[in-house]
Amino acid sequence: MAEAFDELKTEVQQIIDLIAAKQFQQAVEKHADASDLLDDLIDHAEDDDTLVELSHYQVLLNHLHQKIHNP
């Protein structure tokens, strides 16, 4: 699970970097990958603390989605 969290963190940072570079199509693709990974992590979360942390990423991904589609 820790490896998946690290992967999620990396993908979210890449989305932020792509938005900053105004590479919106790549950001859309990376966002889809990160969303799939997040959904998988939520499905396999075993405790409430993990779900709370994942919910923070869910909010962040929703915000980044808005930034991508409304630059």
C-alpha atoms as a PDB file:
ATOM      1  CA  MET A   1       0.000   0.000   0.000  1.00  0.00           C
ATOM      2  CA  ALA A   2       2.884   2.382   0.757  1.00  0.00           C
ATOM      3  CA  GLU A   3       4.227   1.945  -2.780  1.00  0.00           C
ATOM      4  CA  ALA A   4       0.823   2.827  -4.215  1.00  0.00           C
ATOM      5  CA  PHE A   5       0.672   5.979  -2.058  1.00  0.00           C
ATOM      6  CA  ASP A   6       4.107   6.986  -3.327  1.00  0.00           C
ATOM      7  CA  GLU A   7       2.969   6.400  -6.890  1.00  0.00           C
ATOM      8  CA  LEU A   8      -0.148   8.508  -6.297  1.00  0.00           C
ATOM      9  CA  LYS A   9       1.929  11.343  -4.836  1.00  0.00           C
ATOM     10  CA  THR A  10       4.250  11.226  -7.837  1.00  0.00           C
ATOM     11  CA  GLU A  11       1.388  11.254 -10.329  1.00  0.00           C
ATOM     12  CA  VAL A  12      -0.308  14.187  -8.593  1.00  0.00           C
ATOM     13  CA  GLN A  13       2.960  16.152  -8.682  1.00  0.00           C
ATOM     14  CA  GLN A  14       3.343  15.361 -12.378  1.00  0.00           C
ATOM     15  CA  ILE A  15      -0.179  16.687 -13.008  1.00  0.00           C
ATOM     16  CA  ILE A  16       0.721  19.919 -11.215  1.00  0.00           C
ATOM     17  CA  ASP A  17       3.920  20.217 -13.249  1.00  0.00           C
ATOM     18  CA  LEU A  18       2.061  19.605 -16.516  1.00  0.00           C
ATOM     19  CA  ILE A  19      -0.545  22.251 -15.670  1.00  0.00           C
ATOM     20  CA  ALA A  20       2.227  24.725 -14.859  1.00  0.00           C
ATOM     21  CA  ALA A  21       3.836  23.943 -18.222  1.00  0.00           C
ATOM     22  CA  LYS A  22       0.424  24.396 -19.907  1.00  0.00           C
ATOM     23  CA  GLN A  23       0.540  20.854 -21.273  1.00  0.00           C
ATOM     24  CA  PHE A  24      -3.140  20.268 -20.665  1.00  0.00           C
ATOM     25  CA  GLN A  25      -3.656  17.186 -22.843  1.00  0.00           C
ATOM     26  CA  GLN A  26      -0.883  15.330 -21.024  1.00  0.00           C
ATOM     27  CA  ALA A  27      -2.311  16.557 -17.724  1.00  0.00           C
ATOM     28  CA  VAL A  28      -5.711  15.097 -18.677  1.00  0.00           C
ATOM     29  CA  GLU A  29      -4.112  11.728 -19.416  1.00  0.00           C
ATOM     30  CA  LYS A  30      -2.085  11.742 -16.188  1.00  0.00           C
ATOM     31  CA  HIS A  31      -5.177  12.808 -14.241  1.00  0.00           C
ATOM     32  CA  ALA A  32      -7.076   9.793 -15.575  1.00  0.00           C
ATOM     33  CA  ASP A  33      -4.250   7.496 -14.453  1.00  0.00           C
ATOM     34  CA  ALA A  34      -4.120   9.091 -11.009  1.00  0.00           C
ATOM     35  CA  SER A  35      -7.899   8.870 -10.635  1.00  0.00           C
ATOM     36  CA  ASP A  36      -7.857   5.171 -11.488  1.00  0.00           C
ATOM     37  CA  LEU A  37      -5.082   4.577  -8.972  1.00  0.00           C
ATOM     38  CA  LEU A  38      -6.968   6.539  -6.315  1.00  0.00           C
ATOM     39  CA  ASP A  39     -10.133   4.531  -6.939  1.00  0.00           C
ATOM     40  CA  ASP A  40      -8.148   1.318  -6.570  1.00  0.00           C
ATOM     41  CA  LEU A  41      -6.598   2.530  -3.309  1.00  0.00           C
ATOM     42  CA  ILE A  42     -10.001   3.501  -1.932  1.00  0.00           C
ATOM     43  CA  ASP A  43     -11.387   0.091  -2.846  1.00  0.00           C
ATOM     44  CA  HIS A  44      -8.593  -1.647  -0.945  1.00  0.00           C
ATOM     45  CA  ALA A  45      -8.290   0.710   2.045  1.00  0.00           C
ATOM     46  CA  GLU A  46      -8.392  -1.167   5.315  1.00  0.00           C
ATOM     47  CA  ASP A  47      -8.785   1.569   7.915  1.00  0.00           C
ATOM     48  CA  ASP A  48     -10.392   4.953   8.408  1.00  0.00           C
ATOM     49  CA  ASP A  49      -7.085   6.850   8.591  1.00  0.00           C
ATOM     50  CA  THR A  50      -6.203   5.645   5.118  1.00  0.00           C
ATOM     51  CA  LEU A  51      -9.608   6.678   3.803  1.00  0.00           C
ATOM     52  CA  VAL A  52      -9.209  10.150   5.311  1.00  0.00           C
ATOM     53  CA  GLU A  53      -5.824  10.611   3.645  1.00  0.00           C
ATOM     54  CA  LEU A  54      -7.183   9.330   0.344  1.00  0.00           C
ATOM     55  CA  SER A  55     -10.107  11.748   0.572  1.00  0.00           C
ATOM     56  CA  HIS A  56      -7.574  14.605   0.632  1.00  0.00           C
ATOM     57  CA  TYR A  57      -6.154  13.335  -2.655  1.00  0.00           C
ATOM     58  CA  GLN A  58      -9.661  13.016  -4.043  1.00  0.00           C
ATOM     59  CA  VAL A  59     -10.353  16.683  -3.275  1.00  0.00           C
ATOM     60  CA  LEU A  60      -6.994  17.691  -4.746  1.00  0.00           C
ATOM     61  CA  LEU A  61      -7.633  15.701  -7.935  1.00  0.00           C
ATOM     62  CA  ASN A  62     -11.059  17.333  -8.258  1.00  0.00           C
ATOM     63  CA  HIS A  63      -9.443  20.751  -7.925  1.00  0.00           C
ATOM     64  CA  LEU A  64      -6.770  19.875 -10.483  1.00  0.00           C
ATOM     65  CA  HIS A  65      -9.489  18.658 -12.847  1.00  0.00           C
ATOM     66  CA  GLN A  66     -11.054  22.131 -12.657  1.00  0.00           C
ATOM     67  CA  LYS A  67      -7.685  23.752 -13.323  1.00  0.00           C
ATOM     68  CA  ILE A  68      -7.091  21.559 -16.358  1.00  0.00           C
ATOM     69  CA  HIS A  69     -10.465  22.246 -17.924  1.00  0.00           C
ATOM     70  CA  ASN A  70     -10.689  25.940 -16.942  1.00  0.00           C
ATOM     71  CA  PRO A  71      -7.132  27.281 -17.244  1.00  0.00           C
END
